[in-house]
Amino acid sequence: MIKAGIIGSTGYAGEELVRLLWQHKDAQVVWYGSRSYVDKKYRDIYGNMFRIVDDVCKDDNLNALAEEADVIFTATPQGFLASELTEELLQKVKVIDLSADYRLKDVAVYEQWYKIKHASPQLLPEAVYGLCEVNREAVRGARLVANPGCYPTCTTLAIRPMLKAGLIDPSSVIVDAKSGTSGAGRGAKTANLYCEVNENIKAYGVTTHRHTPEIEEQLSYAAGEPVNIIFTPHLVPMNRGILITAYANLKERISEEDIREIYHRLYDDETFVRVLDPGVPPETRWVRGSNYVDVNIAVDERTNRVIMMGAMDNLVKGAAGQAVQNMNLMFGLPESEGLMQVPMFP
């Protein structure tokens, strides 16, 4: 039985980790970390855990937790883990970080976009970017995994096959992305109040969203050359979900059928990536509550452009589900263990 500790267990991603790990036959949560709710019962914070979780919340003492757990999940603000993680800790316990502290290999890029100084850049070379469909073998042997962001996961999986095959101009990629409000976290913010969000849709982080360099770094690996994108996220009035629609110029004329064959070759053996039938655009309602990512493509022959689409649940495959997927690989378990929940509808 894998003993798991969660720092930040009372945020949305942390609670989703609790929900998934409670359904995992080989894992047990031994530490519900929460700076805001120390000594309070977890079930009193999340009523859905009544008669399921009777534990009280503990603090965020990583050193104490490392003595009790086999793996630590940190669903914390940027900068927390970087300031606490040491080589000594990694010798005792595996760590899966849901923040951005170890996602970017260039510390200068991290500090530029996140506006904080990285406290442990010496650990960046070791951290494995935990997009399992891309870095599966590296994750298996990792002590420290950087769990990808929600937008980067969906965007990378939707676009990567085109860049890997060299079919699109890397300088022409435009990503239109949309997210439900849970992506902004559980903290109280005026902009996320019901009256501010309901019956409204808006762009945010235009040209400045922090996931931009993460997406570019991963797409550059796929292309084998630098990729710069235009990335514009939007907030939509729903609880969960990510939808991305990306556009790029094709380098040459190629049929949609031939492109679909590329996607099928890359993803048909992947449990959690579903290539939809021709003409069926991804929808957030068909992946809600699951670890699936639905992708599809369409070719606009008139402009010789390709449209690449993806949909997923931002709290599952975009956060907690992907973290559990990484844990499974790190401990030699079937990758899908504890993650085969059928999407919820309605």
Protein backbone atom coordinates (compact mmCIF):
# COMPACT_ATOMS: atom_id res chain seq x y z
CA MET A 1 0.00 0.00 0.00
CA ILE A 2 1.42 3.38 -1.07
CA LYS A 3 1.24 5.93 1.73
CA ALA A 4 0.44 9.33 0.24
CA GLY A 5 0.57 12.77 1.80
CA ILE A 6 -1.08 15.83 0.27
CA ILE A 7 0.09 19.35 0.99
CA GLY A 8 -2.70 21.70 -0.09
CA SER A 9 -5.41 19.06 0.31
CA THR A 10 -8.18 21.63 0.82
CA GLY A 11 -7.82 23.36 -2.54
CA TYR A 12 -9.78 22.13 -5.53
CA ALA A 13 -6.90 20.08 -6.97
CA GLY A 14 -6.05 18.75 -3.52
CA GLU A 15 -9.62 17.64 -2.86
CA GLU A 16 -9.70 15.95 -6.25
CA LEU A 17 -6.55 14.07 -5.25
CA VAL A 18 -8.30 12.92 -2.09
CA ARG A 19 -11.31 11.73 -4.10
CA LEU A 20 -9.19 9.78 -6.58
CA LEU A 21 -6.81 8.26 -4.02
CA TRP A 22 -9.73 7.05 -1.92
CA GLN A 23 -10.83 4.99 -4.95
CA HIS A 24 -7.30 3.66 -5.56
CA LYS A 25 -6.84 0.09 -4.31
CA ASP A 26 -3.07 0.49 -3.78
CA ALA A 27 -2.90 3.91 -2.10
CA GLN A 28 -3.80 5.38 1.27
CA VAL A 29 -3.85 9.06 2.24
CA VAL A 30 -1.97 9.47 5.52
CA TRP A 31 -1.63 13.26 5.65
CA TYR A 32 -4.20 15.91 4.77
CA GLY A 33 -2.06 19.04 4.72
CA SER A 34 -3.67 22.47 4.84
CA ARG A 35 -2.22 25.72 6.10
CA SER A 36 -5.70 27.27 6.46
CA TYR A 37 -7.54 24.43 8.22
CA VAL A 38 -5.06 22.84 10.67
CA ASP A 39 -6.83 20.62 13.25
CA LYS A 40 -10.18 20.86 11.45
CA LYS A 41 -11.87 17.70 10.20
CA TYR A 42 -11.56 17.26 6.48
CA ARG A 43 -15.21 16.23 6.18
CA ASP A 44 -16.25 19.59 7.67
CA ILE A 45 -14.46 21.40 4.86
CA TYR A 46 -15.75 19.15 2.09
CA GLY A 47 -19.15 17.69 2.96
CA ASN A 48 -18.90 15.12 0.19
CA MET A 49 -16.32 13.36 2.38
CA PHE A 50 -18.75 12.86 5.29
CA ARG A 51 -18.37 9.28 6.66
CA ILE A 52 -15.51 8.78 4.23
CA VAL A 53 -12.67 10.89 5.63
CA ASP A 54 -12.66 11.37 9.40
CA ASP A 55 -9.07 12.65 9.59
CA VAL A 56 -8.16 16.16 10.70
CA CYS A 57 -5.99 18.45 8.64
CA LYS A 58 -2.33 18.80 9.51
CA ASP A 59 0.19 21.49 8.69
CA ASP A 60 2.59 21.67 5.73
CA ASN A 61 5.67 20.26 7.50
CA LEU A 62 7.38 18.36 4.70
CA ASN A 63 10.08 16.93 6.95
CA ALA A 64 7.55 15.34 9.30
CA LEU A 65 5.47 14.12 6.37
CA ALA A 66 8.49 12.51 4.70
CA GLU A 67 8.81 10.20 7.71
CA GLU A 68 5.26 8.90 7.18
CA ALA A 69 4.70 8.88 3.42
CA ASP A 70 6.07 7.15 0.35
CA VAL A 71 4.96 9.97 -1.93
CA ILE A 72 4.10 13.61 -1.34
CA PHE A 73 1.74 15.56 -3.58
CA THR A 74 2.11 19.35 -3.33
CA ALA A 75 -0.93 21.23 -4.59
CA THR A 76 0.44 24.56 -3.44
CA PRO A 77 1.10 28.09 -4.76
CA GLN A 78 4.20 28.68 -6.87
CA GLY A 79 7.33 29.01 -4.80
CA PHE A 80 6.30 26.85 -1.85
CA LEU A 81 7.95 23.59 -2.84
CA ALA A 82 11.01 25.26 -4.35
CA SER A 83 11.66 26.89 -0.99
CA GLU A 84 11.19 23.67 1.02
CA LEU A 85 12.52 20.81 -1.11
CA THR A 86 15.99 19.44 -0.42
CA GLU A 87 18.15 16.53 -1.53
CA GLU A 88 17.67 15.03 1.93
CA LEU A 89 13.90 14.97 1.45
CA LEU A 90 14.17 13.37 -1.97
CA GLN A 91 16.30 10.60 -0.48
CA LYS A 92 13.34 9.70 1.77
CA VAL A 93 10.26 10.24 -0.37
CA LYS A 94 9.07 10.74 -3.95
CA VAL A 95 7.50 14.11 -4.75
CA ILE A 96 4.86 15.06 -7.32
CA ASP A 97 4.47 18.83 -7.55
CA LEU A 98 1.27 20.28 -8.99
CA SER A 99 2.67 23.83 -9.02
CA ALA A 100 4.93 25.28 -11.72
CA ASP A 101 8.11 25.25 -9.62
CA TYR A 102 9.87 22.53 -11.61
CA ARG A 103 8.10 22.55 -14.97
CA LEU A 104 10.42 24.99 -16.75
CA LYS A 105 14.05 23.99 -17.22
CA ASP A 106 15.32 27.56 -17.59
CA VAL A 107 15.24 29.25 -14.19
CA ALA A 108 15.42 32.69 -15.82
CA VAL A 109 12.22 31.97 -17.76
CA TYR A 110 10.48 30.83 -14.57
CA GLU A 111 11.52 33.95 -12.69
CA GLN A 112 10.51 36.20 -15.58
CA TRP A 113 6.98 34.79 -15.88
CA TYR A 114 6.23 34.01 -12.22
CA LYS A 115 7.91 37.10 -10.76
CA ILE A 116 9.56 35.18 -7.91
CA LYS A 117 13.08 33.94 -7.35
CA HIS A 118 13.51 30.18 -7.64
CA ALA A 119 14.84 28.85 -4.34
CA SER A 120 16.19 25.48 -5.53
CA PRO A 121 17.34 25.72 -9.16
CA GLN A 122 19.86 22.93 -8.54
CA LEU A 123 16.94 20.44 -8.60
CA LEU A 124 15.56 21.56 -11.97
CA PRO A 125 17.75 19.21 -14.06
CA GLU A 126 16.43 16.20 -12.14
CA ALA A 127 12.74 17.08 -12.30
CA VAL A 128 10.79 15.09 -14.89
CA TYR A 129 7.94 16.81 -16.71
CA GLY A 130 5.07 14.47 -15.91
CA LEU A 131 3.15 14.31 -19.16
CA CYS A 132 2.93 10.54 -19.13
CA GLU A 133 2.04 10.14 -22.80
CA VAL A 134 5.33 11.84 -23.69
CA ASN A 135 7.76 11.12 -20.82
CA ARG A 136 6.50 7.77 -19.54
CA GLU A 137 9.85 6.04 -19.18
CA ALA A 138 11.50 9.00 -17.47
CA VAL A 139 8.61 9.24 -15.00
CA ARG A 140 9.06 5.59 -14.01
CA GLY A 141 12.50 6.30 -12.55
CA ALA A 142 11.85 9.77 -11.17
CA ARG A 143 12.09 11.01 -7.60
CA LEU A 144 10.68 14.45 -8.50
CA VAL A 145 7.89 14.94 -11.03
CA ALA A 146 6.62 18.30 -12.23
CA ASN A 147 2.93 17.72 -12.88
CA PRO A 148 1.99 19.68 -16.03
CA GLY A 149 -0.43 22.59 -16.03
CA CYS A 150 -3.99 22.15 -17.28
CA TYR A 151 -3.77 24.33 -20.38
CA PRO A 152 -0.35 22.89 -21.35
CA THR A 153 -1.61 19.31 -21.04
CA CYS A 154 -4.58 19.80 -23.33
CA THR A 155 -2.71 22.04 -25.77
CA THR A 156 0.37 19.84 -26.03
CA LEU A 157 -1.59 16.64 -26.61
CA ALA A 158 -3.75 18.31 -29.27
CA ILE A 159 -0.91 19.97 -31.21
CA ARG A 160 2.13 17.77 -30.60
CA PRO A 161 1.42 15.21 -33.37
CA MET A 162 1.45 17.94 -36.03
CA LEU A 163 4.78 19.37 -34.88
CA LYS A 164 6.35 15.97 -34.34
CA ALA A 165 5.47 15.07 -37.94
CA GLY A 166 6.78 18.42 -39.21
CA LEU A 167 3.50 19.29 -40.89
CA ILE A 168 2.90 22.84 -39.60
CA ASP A 169 4.80 26.10 -39.50
CA PRO A 170 5.95 26.42 -35.84
CA SER A 171 5.71 30.21 -35.98
CA SER A 172 2.04 30.18 -37.00
CA VAL A 173 0.45 28.45 -33.97
CA ILE A 174 -2.45 30.30 -32.36
CA VAL A 175 -4.21 28.80 -29.34
CA ASP A 176 -7.67 29.88 -28.20
CA ALA A 177 -8.32 28.29 -24.79
CA LYS A 178 -11.24 28.24 -22.38
CA SER A 179 -11.44 27.10 -18.77
CA GLY A 180 -14.01 26.63 -16.05
CA THR A 181 -13.76 28.71 -12.88
CA SER A 182 -12.21 25.96 -10.74
CA GLY A 183 -8.99 26.60 -12.65
CA ALA A 184 -8.62 29.82 -10.68
CA GLY A 185 -8.52 27.97 -7.36
CA ARG A 186 -10.70 28.07 -4.26
CA GLY A 187 -9.46 31.34 -2.82
CA ALA A 188 -11.96 34.19 -2.69
CA LYS A 189 -11.43 36.69 -5.49
CA THR A 190 -13.87 39.37 -6.63
CA ALA A 191 -13.38 38.48 -10.28
CA ASN A 192 -14.52 34.90 -9.58
CA LEU A 193 -17.69 35.68 -7.65
CA TYR A 194 -20.90 34.25 -9.09
CA CYS A 195 -22.25 37.62 -10.24
CA GLU A 196 -18.94 38.42 -11.94
CA VAL A 197 -18.68 35.12 -13.81
CA ASN A 198 -22.26 34.07 -14.55
CA GLU A 199 -23.65 34.97 -17.98
CA ASN A 200 -20.21 36.16 -19.07
CA ILE A 201 -17.12 35.07 -20.93
CA LYS A 202 -13.87 36.99 -21.02
CA ALA A 203 -10.27 36.72 -22.11
CA TYR A 204 -7.62 37.08 -19.42
CA GLY A 205 -3.85 36.97 -19.21
CA VAL A 206 -3.70 38.18 -22.81
CA THR A 207 -0.04 37.88 -23.94
CA THR A 208 1.00 37.32 -20.29
CA HIS A 209 -0.47 34.00 -19.14
CA ARG A 210 2.10 31.99 -17.20
CA HIS A 211 1.37 28.76 -19.03
CA THR A 212 2.67 30.25 -22.28
CA PRO A 213 6.37 29.38 -21.78
CA GLU A 214 5.46 25.90 -20.53
CA ILE A 215 3.45 25.21 -23.68
CA GLU A 216 6.19 26.63 -25.87
CA GLU A 217 8.86 24.52 -24.18
CA GLN A 218 6.94 21.28 -24.66
CA LEU A 219 5.97 22.06 -28.25
CA SER A 220 9.58 22.99 -29.01
CA TYR A 221 10.70 19.54 -27.85
CA ALA A 222 8.16 17.99 -30.23
CA ALA A 223 9.17 20.18 -33.17
CA GLY A 224 12.91 19.94 -32.58
CA GLU A 225 13.12 23.72 -32.95
CA PRO A 226 11.85 26.80 -31.07
CA VAL A 227 8.10 27.29 -31.14
CA ASN A 228 6.49 30.60 -30.26
CA ILE A 229 2.73 30.72 -29.95
CA ILE A 230 -0.07 33.19 -29.43
CA PHE A 231 -1.98 31.87 -26.40
CA THR A 232 -5.20 33.49 -25.22
CA PRO A 233 -7.19 31.89 -22.39
CA HIS A 234 -10.81 32.66 -21.56
CA LEU A 235 -12.87 32.19 -18.41
CA VAL A 236 -16.28 30.60 -18.96
CA PRO A 237 -19.10 30.17 -16.40
CA MET A 238 -18.79 26.45 -15.68
CA ASN A 239 -17.18 24.56 -12.81
CA ARG A 240 -14.85 22.24 -14.72
CA GLY A 241 -13.36 21.84 -18.13
CA ILE A 242 -10.70 22.92 -20.58
CA LEU A 243 -11.37 23.44 -24.27
CA ILE A 244 -8.66 24.46 -26.69
CA THR A 245 -8.96 25.31 -30.37
CA ALA A 246 -5.61 25.84 -32.06
CA TYR A 247 -4.76 26.98 -35.57
CA ALA A 248 -1.62 26.67 -37.70
CA ASN A 249 -0.47 26.92 -41.30
CA LEU A 250 0.22 23.63 -43.05
CA LYS A 251 3.62 23.45 -44.72
CA GLU A 252 2.14 21.60 -47.69
CA ARG A 253 -1.14 20.23 -48.91
CA ILE A 254 -2.14 17.13 -46.97
CA SER A 255 -5.49 15.45 -46.56
CA GLU A 256 -7.39 15.34 -43.30
CA GLU A 257 -7.46 11.56 -43.60
CA ASP A 258 -3.66 11.37 -43.71
CA ILE A 259 -3.39 13.63 -40.65
CA ARG A 260 -5.88 11.50 -38.76
CA GLU A 261 -3.72 8.45 -39.40
CA ILE A 262 -0.84 10.25 -37.64
CA TYR A 263 -3.00 10.95 -34.60
CA HIS A 264 -4.26 7.39 -34.48
CA ARG A 265 -0.74 5.97 -34.70
CA LEU A 266 0.38 8.15 -31.81
CA TYR A 267 -2.65 7.80 -29.54
CA ASP A 268 -4.58 4.60 -30.23
CA ASP A 269 -2.54 2.75 -27.60
CA GLU A 270 -2.94 5.55 -25.05
CA THR A 271 -5.60 4.80 -22.46
CA PHE A 272 -6.50 8.40 -21.75
CA VAL A 273 -6.24 10.13 -25.15
CA ARG A 274 -9.26 9.60 -27.39
CA VAL A 275 -9.12 10.61 -31.05
CA LEU A 276 -12.70 11.38 -31.99
CA ASP A 277 -14.44 10.43 -35.21
CA PRO A 278 -14.23 12.77 -38.24
CA GLY A 279 -16.34 15.89 -37.86
CA VAL A 280 -16.90 15.45 -34.10
CA PRO A 281 -15.47 18.39 -32.14
CA PRO A 282 -14.36 17.76 -28.53
CA GLU A 283 -16.76 18.89 -25.81
CA THR A 284 -16.05 19.40 -22.13
CA ARG A 285 -19.27 17.63 -21.10
CA TRP A 286 -18.00 14.32 -22.49
CA VAL A 287 -14.84 14.26 -20.34
CA ARG A 288 -16.16 15.76 -17.10
CA GLY A 289 -14.93 13.97 -13.98
CA SER A 290 -12.58 11.71 -15.96
CA ASN A 291 -8.91 11.46 -16.86
CA TYR A 292 -9.65 11.42 -20.58
CA VAL A 293 -8.49 13.96 -23.15
CA ASP A 294 -10.54 14.11 -26.35
CA VAL A 295 -8.73 15.44 -29.43
CA ASN A 296 -9.62 15.98 -33.05
CA ILE A 297 -8.48 17.88 -36.13
CA ALA A 298 -10.00 19.52 -39.18
CA VAL A 299 -8.31 20.79 -42.34
CA ASP A 300 -9.44 24.04 -43.94
CA GLU A 301 -8.48 23.40 -47.54
CA ARG A 302 -9.42 26.95 -48.57
CA THR A 303 -6.71 28.52 -46.36
CA ASN A 304 -4.43 25.46 -46.08
CA ARG A 305 -4.66 25.60 -42.30
CA VAL A 306 -5.30 22.91 -39.73
CA ILE A 307 -7.54 23.27 -36.69
CA MET A 308 -6.45 21.18 -33.68
CA MET A 309 -8.92 20.69 -30.85
CA GLY A 310 -8.86 19.24 -27.35
CA ALA A 311 -11.11 18.93 -24.30
CA MET A 312 -10.48 17.61 -20.79
CA ASP A 313 -11.37 18.06 -17.12
CA ASN A 314 -8.93 20.60 -15.68
CA LEU A 315 -9.09 19.08 -12.18
CA VAL A 316 -8.53 15.48 -13.29
CA LYS A 317 -6.24 15.08 -16.30
CA GLY A 318 -5.31 18.73 -15.83
CA ALA A 319 -4.19 18.23 -12.22
CA ALA A 320 -5.05 15.42 -9.78
CA GLY A 321 -5.71 12.61 -12.24
CA GLN A 322 -2.46 13.23 -14.05
CA ALA A 323 -0.67 13.30 -10.69
CA VAL A 324 -2.10 9.88 -9.81
CA GLN A 325 -1.14 8.64 -13.28
CA ASN A 326 2.41 9.75 -12.52
CA MET A 327 2.33 8.08 -9.11
CA ASN A 328 1.28 4.81 -10.71
CA LEU A 329 4.25 4.91 -13.05
CA MET A 330 6.68 5.85 -10.28
CA PHE A 331 5.61 2.86 -8.17
CA GLY A 332 5.41 0.30 -10.97
CA LEU A 333 1.61 0.06 -11.02
CA PRO A 334 -0.65 -0.09 -14.07
CA GLU A 335 -0.84 3.47 -15.34
CA SER A 336 -4.64 3.55 -15.29
CA GLU A 337 -5.04 2.20 -11.74
CA GLY A 338 -7.65 4.24 -9.86
CA LEU A 339 -8.36 6.41 -12.90
CA MET A 340 -10.93 4.55 -14.96
CA GLN A 341 -13.88 6.67 -13.90
CA VAL A 342 -16.39 7.01 -16.73
CA PRO A 343 -17.04 10.67 -17.62
CA MET A 344 -20.05 12.08 -15.77
CA PHE A 345 -23.14 13.31 -17.62
CA PRO A 346 -25.05 15.51 -17.26
